[in-house]
C-alpha atoms as a PDB file:
ATOM      1  CA  PHE A   1     -13.879   0.658  -6.901  1.00  0.00           C
ATOM      2  CA  ILE A   2     -12.537   4.217  -7.028  1.00  0.00           C
ATOM      3  CA  PRO A   3     -14.634   5.223  -9.725  1.00  0.00           C
ATOM      4  CA  ILE A   4     -17.929   3.583  -8.440  1.00  0.00           C
ATOM      5  CA  ILE A   5     -17.334   5.081  -5.212  1.00  0.00           C
ATOM      6  CA  HIS A   6     -16.362   8.766  -6.513  1.00  0.00           C
ATOM      7  CA  LYS A   7     -19.503   8.324  -8.544  1.00  0.00           C
ATOM      8  CA  ILE A   8     -21.848   7.424  -5.295  1.00  0.00           C
ATOM      9  CA  ILE A   9     -19.980  10.282  -3.192  1.00  0.00           C
ATOM     10  CA  PRO A  10     -18.565  12.659  -5.412  1.00  0.00           C
ATOM     11  CA  ASN A  11     -17.088  14.513  -2.332  1.00  0.00           C
ATOM     12  CA  ALA A  12     -15.169  11.395  -1.305  1.00  0.00           C
ATOM     13  CA  ARG A  13     -11.830  11.785  -0.513  1.00  0.00           C
ATOM     14  CA  PHE A  14      -9.232   9.070  -1.474  1.00  0.00           C
ATOM     15  CA  ILE A  15      -5.831   7.587   0.037  1.00  0.00           C
ATOM     16  CA  PHE A  16      -3.606   6.186  -2.598  1.00  0.00           C
ATOM     17  CA  ALA A  17      -0.799   3.831  -0.659  1.00  0.00           C
ATOM     18  CA  LEU A  18       2.441   3.422  -2.788  1.00  0.00           C
ATOM     19  CA  ARG A  19       5.249   1.144  -1.912  1.00  0.00           C
ATOM     20  CA  ASP A  20       7.923   0.026  -4.143  1.00  0.00           C
ATOM     21  CA  PRO A  21       6.242  -2.301  -6.652  1.00  0.00           C
ATOM     22  CA  ARG A  22       9.171  -5.098  -6.155  1.00  0.00           C
ATOM     23  CA  ASP A  23       8.364  -5.146  -2.060  1.00  0.00           C
ATOM     24  CA  VAL A  24       4.664  -4.988  -2.548  1.00  0.00           C
ATOM     25  CA  VAL A  25       4.824  -8.041  -4.991  1.00  0.00           C
ATOM     26  CA  LEU A  26       6.863  -9.926  -2.582  1.00  0.00           C
ATOM     27  CA  SER A  27       5.396  -9.377   0.469  1.00  0.00           C
ATOM     28  CA  CYS A  28       1.958 -10.117  -1.295  1.00  0.00           C
ATOM     29  CA  PHE A  29       3.183 -13.448  -3.122  1.00  0.00           C
ATOM     30  CA  MET A  30       4.587 -14.689   0.308  1.00  0.00           C
ATOM     31  CA  GLN A  31       2.090 -13.684   2.817  1.00  0.00           C
ATOM     32  CA  ALA A  32      -0.161 -16.617   3.901  1.00  0.00           C
ATOM     33  CA  PHE A  33      -3.523 -15.586   2.866  1.00  0.00           C
ATOM     34  CA  GLY A  34      -6.542 -17.745   3.485  1.00  0.00           C
ATOM     35  CA  LEU A  35      -7.686 -18.982  -0.358  1.00  0.00           C
ATOM     36  CA  ASN A  36     -10.278 -17.026  -1.250  1.00  0.00           C
ATOM     37  CA  GLU A  37     -11.818 -14.869  -4.536  1.00  0.00           C
ATOM     38  CA  ALA A  38      -9.168 -11.770  -3.771  1.00  0.00           C
ATOM     39  CA  MET A  39      -6.442 -14.135  -2.504  1.00  0.00           C
ATOM     40  CA  ARG A  40      -6.098 -16.547  -5.252  1.00  0.00           C
ATOM     41  CA  HIS A  41      -4.333 -13.713  -7.558  1.00  0.00           C
ATOM     42  CA  PHE A  42      -1.192 -14.083  -5.061  1.00  0.00           C
ATOM     43  CA  LEU A  43      -0.419 -18.329  -5.510  1.00  0.00           C
ATOM     44  CA  THR A  44       2.237 -17.294  -8.198  1.00  0.00           C
ATOM     45  CA  LEU A  45       4.357 -14.614  -8.569  1.00  0.00           C
ATOM     46  CA  GLN A  46       3.440 -13.770 -11.941  1.00  0.00           C
ATOM     47  CA  ASP A  47      -0.100 -13.719 -11.190  1.00  0.00           C
ATOM     48  CA  THR A  48       1.009 -11.562  -8.083  1.00  0.00           C
ATOM     49  CA  ALA A  49       2.802  -9.300 -10.453  1.00  0.00           C
ATOM     50  CA  ASP A  50       0.166  -9.421 -13.295  1.00  0.00           C
ATOM     51  CA  TYR A  51      -2.670  -8.555 -10.398  1.00  0.00           C
ATOM     52  CA  TYR A  52      -0.583  -5.332  -8.830  1.00  0.00           C
ATOM     53  CA  ALA A  53      -0.141  -3.831 -12.286  1.00  0.00           C
ATOM     54  CA  ALA A  54      -3.888  -4.052 -13.158  1.00  0.00           C
ATOM     55  CA  VAL A  55      -4.898  -2.365  -9.846  1.00  0.00           C
ATOM     56  CA  MET A  56      -2.156  -0.122 -10.410  1.00  0.00           C
ATOM     57  CA  LYS A  57      -3.497   1.215 -13.918  1.00  0.00           C
ATOM     58  CA  ILE A  58      -6.833   1.824 -12.098  1.00  0.00           C
ATOM     59  CA  GLY A  59      -4.796   3.893  -9.355  1.00  0.00           C
ATOM     60  CA  ILE A  60      -2.904   5.722 -11.882  1.00  0.00           C
ATOM     61  CA  ARG A  61      -6.210   7.034 -13.759  1.00  0.00           C
ATOM     62  CA  SER A  62      -8.033   7.627 -10.677  1.00  0.00           C
ATOM     63  CA  GLN A  63      -5.145   9.670  -9.852  1.00  0.00           C
ATOM     64  CA  GLN A  64      -5.279  11.558 -12.950  1.00  0.00           C
ATOM     65  CA  CYS A  65      -9.131  11.804 -12.927  1.00  0.00           C
ATOM     66  CA  LEU A  66      -9.340  12.786  -9.216  1.00  0.00           C
ATOM     67  CA  GLY A  67      -6.812  15.691  -9.207  1.00  0.00           C
ATOM     68  CA  ASP A  68      -6.574  17.059  -4.975  1.00  0.00           C
ATOM     69  CA  ARG A  69      -9.213  14.225  -4.172  1.00  0.00           C
ATOM     70  CA  ILE A  70      -6.648  11.946  -3.909  1.00  0.00           C
ATOM     71  CA  HIS A  71      -3.228  11.633  -1.259  1.00  0.00           C
ATOM     72  CA  VAL A  72      -0.363   9.568  -2.089  1.00  0.00           C
ATOM     73  CA  VAL A  73       1.164   8.380   0.746  1.00  0.00           C
ATOM     74  CA  LYS A  74       4.687   6.794  -0.367  1.00  0.00           C
ATOM     75  CA  TYR A  75       5.611   3.999   2.295  1.00  0.00           C
ATOM     76  CA  ALA A  76       9.513   5.100   2.721  1.00  0.00           C
ATOM     77  CA  PRO A  77       8.789   8.722   3.713  1.00  0.00           C
ATOM     78  CA  LEU A  78       5.761   7.341   5.829  1.00  0.00           C
ATOM     79  CA  VAL A  79       8.439   4.919   7.865  1.00  0.00           C
ATOM     80  CA  ALA A  80      11.107   7.749   7.572  1.00  0.00           C
ATOM     81  CA  ASP A  81       8.760  10.379   9.532  1.00  0.00           C
ATOM     82  CA  LEU A  82       5.499   9.342  10.649  1.00  0.00           C
ATOM     83  CA  ASP A  83       4.464  12.574  12.578  1.00  0.00           C
ATOM     84  CA  THR A  84       5.054  14.567   9.144  1.00  0.00           C
ATOM     85  CA  GLU A  85       2.846  11.980   7.094  1.00  0.00           C
ATOM     86  CA  ALA A  86       0.162  11.208   9.190  1.00  0.00           C
ATOM     87  CA  ARG A  87      -0.481  15.102  10.108  1.00  0.00           C
ATOM     88  CA  ARG A  88      -0.358  15.677   6.053  1.00  0.00           C
ATOM     89  CA  LEU A  89      -3.011  12.676   5.682  1.00  0.00           C
ATOM     90  CA  CYS A  90      -5.245  14.513   8.545  1.00  0.00           C
ATOM     91  CA  SER A  91      -4.932  17.735   6.856  1.00  0.00           C
ATOM     92  CA  PHE A  92      -5.956  16.272   3.385  1.00  0.00           C
ATOM     93  CA  LEU A  93      -8.914  14.610   5.593  1.00  0.00           C
ATOM     94  CA  GLY A  94     -10.111  17.271   7.107  1.00  0.00           C
ATOM     95  CA  LEU A  95      -9.689  15.554  10.260  1.00  0.00           C
ATOM     96  CA  ALA A  96      -8.199  17.369  13.810  1.00  0.00           C
ATOM     97  CA  TRP A  97      -4.873  16.267  14.550  1.00  0.00           C
ATOM     98  CA  ASP A  98      -4.270  13.974  18.041  1.00  0.00           C
ATOM     99  CA  GLU A  99      -1.055  12.399  19.365  1.00  0.00           C
ATOM    100  CA  GLN A 100      -2.762   9.126  20.022  1.00  0.00           C
ATOM    101  CA  MET A 101      -2.701   8.636  16.324  1.00  0.00           C
ATOM    102  CA  LEU A 102       0.393   7.572  16.559  1.00  0.00           C
ATOM    103  CA  ARG A 103       0.580   4.878  19.097  1.00  0.00           C
ATOM    104  CA  PHE A 104      -2.095   3.235  16.786  1.00  0.00           C
ATOM    105  CA  HIS A 105       0.334  -0.034  17.461  1.00  0.00           C
ATOM    106  CA  ASP A 106      -1.051   0.323  20.925  1.00  0.00           C
ATOM    107  CA  THR A 107      -4.818   0.487  20.415  1.00  0.00           C
ATOM    108  CA  ALA A 108      -4.221  -2.578  17.900  1.00  0.00           C
ATOM    109  CA  LYS A 109      -3.285  -4.915  20.766  1.00  0.00           C
ATOM    110  CA  GLU A 110      -6.406  -4.086  22.528  1.00  0.00           C
ATOM    111  CA  ARG A 111      -8.732  -5.110  19.997  1.00  0.00           C
ATOM    112  CA  ARG A 112      -9.135  -8.469  17.936  1.00  0.00           C
ATOM    113  CA  ILE A 113      -7.549  -8.473  14.759  1.00  0.00           C
ATOM    114  CA  ASN A 114      -7.851 -11.259  12.297  1.00  0.00           C
ATOM    115  CA  THR A 115      -5.723 -10.996   9.428  1.00  0.00           C
ATOM    116  CA  PRO A 116      -2.370 -12.389   8.488  1.00  0.00           C
ATOM    117  CA  SER A 117      -0.761  -9.029   9.082  1.00  0.00           C
ATOM    118  CA  TYR A 118      -1.440  -9.044  13.206  1.00  0.00           C
ATOM    119  CA  SER A 119       1.966  -9.423  14.341  1.00  0.00           C
ATOM    120  CA  GLN A 120       2.795  -6.348  12.199  1.00  0.00           C
ATOM    121  CA  VAL A 121      -0.150  -3.938  13.096  1.00  0.00           C
ATOM    122  CA  VAL A 122       0.700  -4.586  16.726  1.00  0.00           C
ATOM    123  CA  GLN A 123       4.159  -3.166  16.274  1.00  0.00           C
ATOM    124  CA  PRO A 124       5.499   0.663  16.162  1.00  0.00           C
ATOM    125  CA  VAL A 125       6.341   1.643  12.121  1.00  0.00           C
ATOM    126  CA  TYR A 126       9.373  -0.163  11.030  1.00  0.00           C
ATOM    127  CA  ARG A 127      12.085   0.300   8.284  1.00  0.00           C
ATOM    128  CA  SER A 128      13.298  -3.455   8.032  1.00  0.00           C
ATOM    129  CA  ALA A 129      10.776  -4.378   5.072  1.00  0.00           C
ATOM    130  CA  LEU A 130      12.183  -1.206   2.775  1.00  0.00           C
ATOM    131  CA  GLY A 131      14.106  -2.792   0.331  1.00  0.00           C
ATOM    132  CA  ARG A 132      13.478  -6.100   0.957  1.00  0.00           C
ATOM    133  CA  TRP A 133      12.991  -7.437  -2.442  1.00  0.00           C
ATOM    134  CA  ARG A 134      16.509  -6.984  -3.034  1.00  0.00           C
ATOM    135  CA  HIS A 135      17.212 -10.340  -1.332  1.00  0.00           C
ATOM    136  CA  TYR A 136      15.437 -12.078  -3.948  1.00  0.00           C
ATOM    137  CA  GLU A 137      16.215  -9.997  -6.661  1.00  0.00           C
ATOM    138  CA  ALA A 138      17.068 -13.404  -8.670  1.00  0.00           C
ATOM    139  CA  GLN A 139      13.616 -14.588  -7.955  1.00  0.00           C
ATOM    140  CA  LEU A 140      11.765 -11.309  -9.125  1.00  0.00           C
ATOM    141  CA  GLN A 141      13.731 -11.316 -12.275  1.00  0.00           C
ATOM    142  CA  PRO A 142      10.722 -13.098 -14.330  1.00  0.00           C
ATOM    143  CA  VAL A 143       8.311 -10.436 -13.302  1.00  0.00           C
ATOM    144  CA  LEU A 144      10.051  -7.468 -12.951  1.00  0.00           C
ATOM    145  CA  THR A 145       9.035  -6.508 -17.222  1.00  0.00           C
ATOM    146  CA  VAL A 146       5.420  -6.569 -15.751  1.00  0.00           C
ATOM    147  CA  LEU A 147       6.789  -4.182 -12.953  1.00  0.00           C
ATOM    148  CA  GLN A 148       9.341  -1.747 -14.498  1.00  0.00           C
ATOM    149  CA  PRO A 149       6.544   0.640 -15.454  1.00  0.00           C
ATOM    150  CA  TYR A 150       5.339   1.061 -11.974  1.00  0.00           C
ATOM    151  CA  ILE A 151       8.937   0.838 -10.662  1.00  0.00           C
ATOM    152  CA  GLU A 152       9.736   4.187 -12.849  1.00  0.00           C
ATOM    153  CA  SER A 153       6.298   5.809 -12.550  1.00  0.00           C
ATOM    154  CA  PHE A 154       6.224   5.807  -8.720  1.00  0.00           C
ATOM    155  CA  GLY A 155      10.202   7.009  -8.686  1.00  0.00           C
ATOM    156  CA  TYR A 156      11.850   3.475  -7.482  1.00  0.00           C
ATOM    157  CA  ALA A 157      14.141   2.960 -10.254  1.00  0.00           C
END
């Protein structure tokens, strides 16, 4: 919806979150999502990879069109140095920094969260999901040709 949002709210700012495409596809495919129109894309590994590619085409095009209105956040640097990356994001969004932002997991425990990722949201940032795809490399082989352009484009080669 980025192009539509930009048309309606021309000064809107966007966050483009990136993670190794292999980890993204693996994570989405392995997640126990409730079946609905959006989640139907994650029923097979091929469908998951194809959907990822379709969404990333829009993301890349949006980056090209929006210039400084879009901020890229990469997963690996975020988990390596949450404080620095969070401060950069706040600066981009024009928000005042608050140390409490780093304790999002404590705030999450006080709220009702009804998503498959609840157990992750209530934890501090962790690194164990980095490169998880390597444990499933053989299973990912059939979809690597779909993901390869994004692996290279986003610097994960």
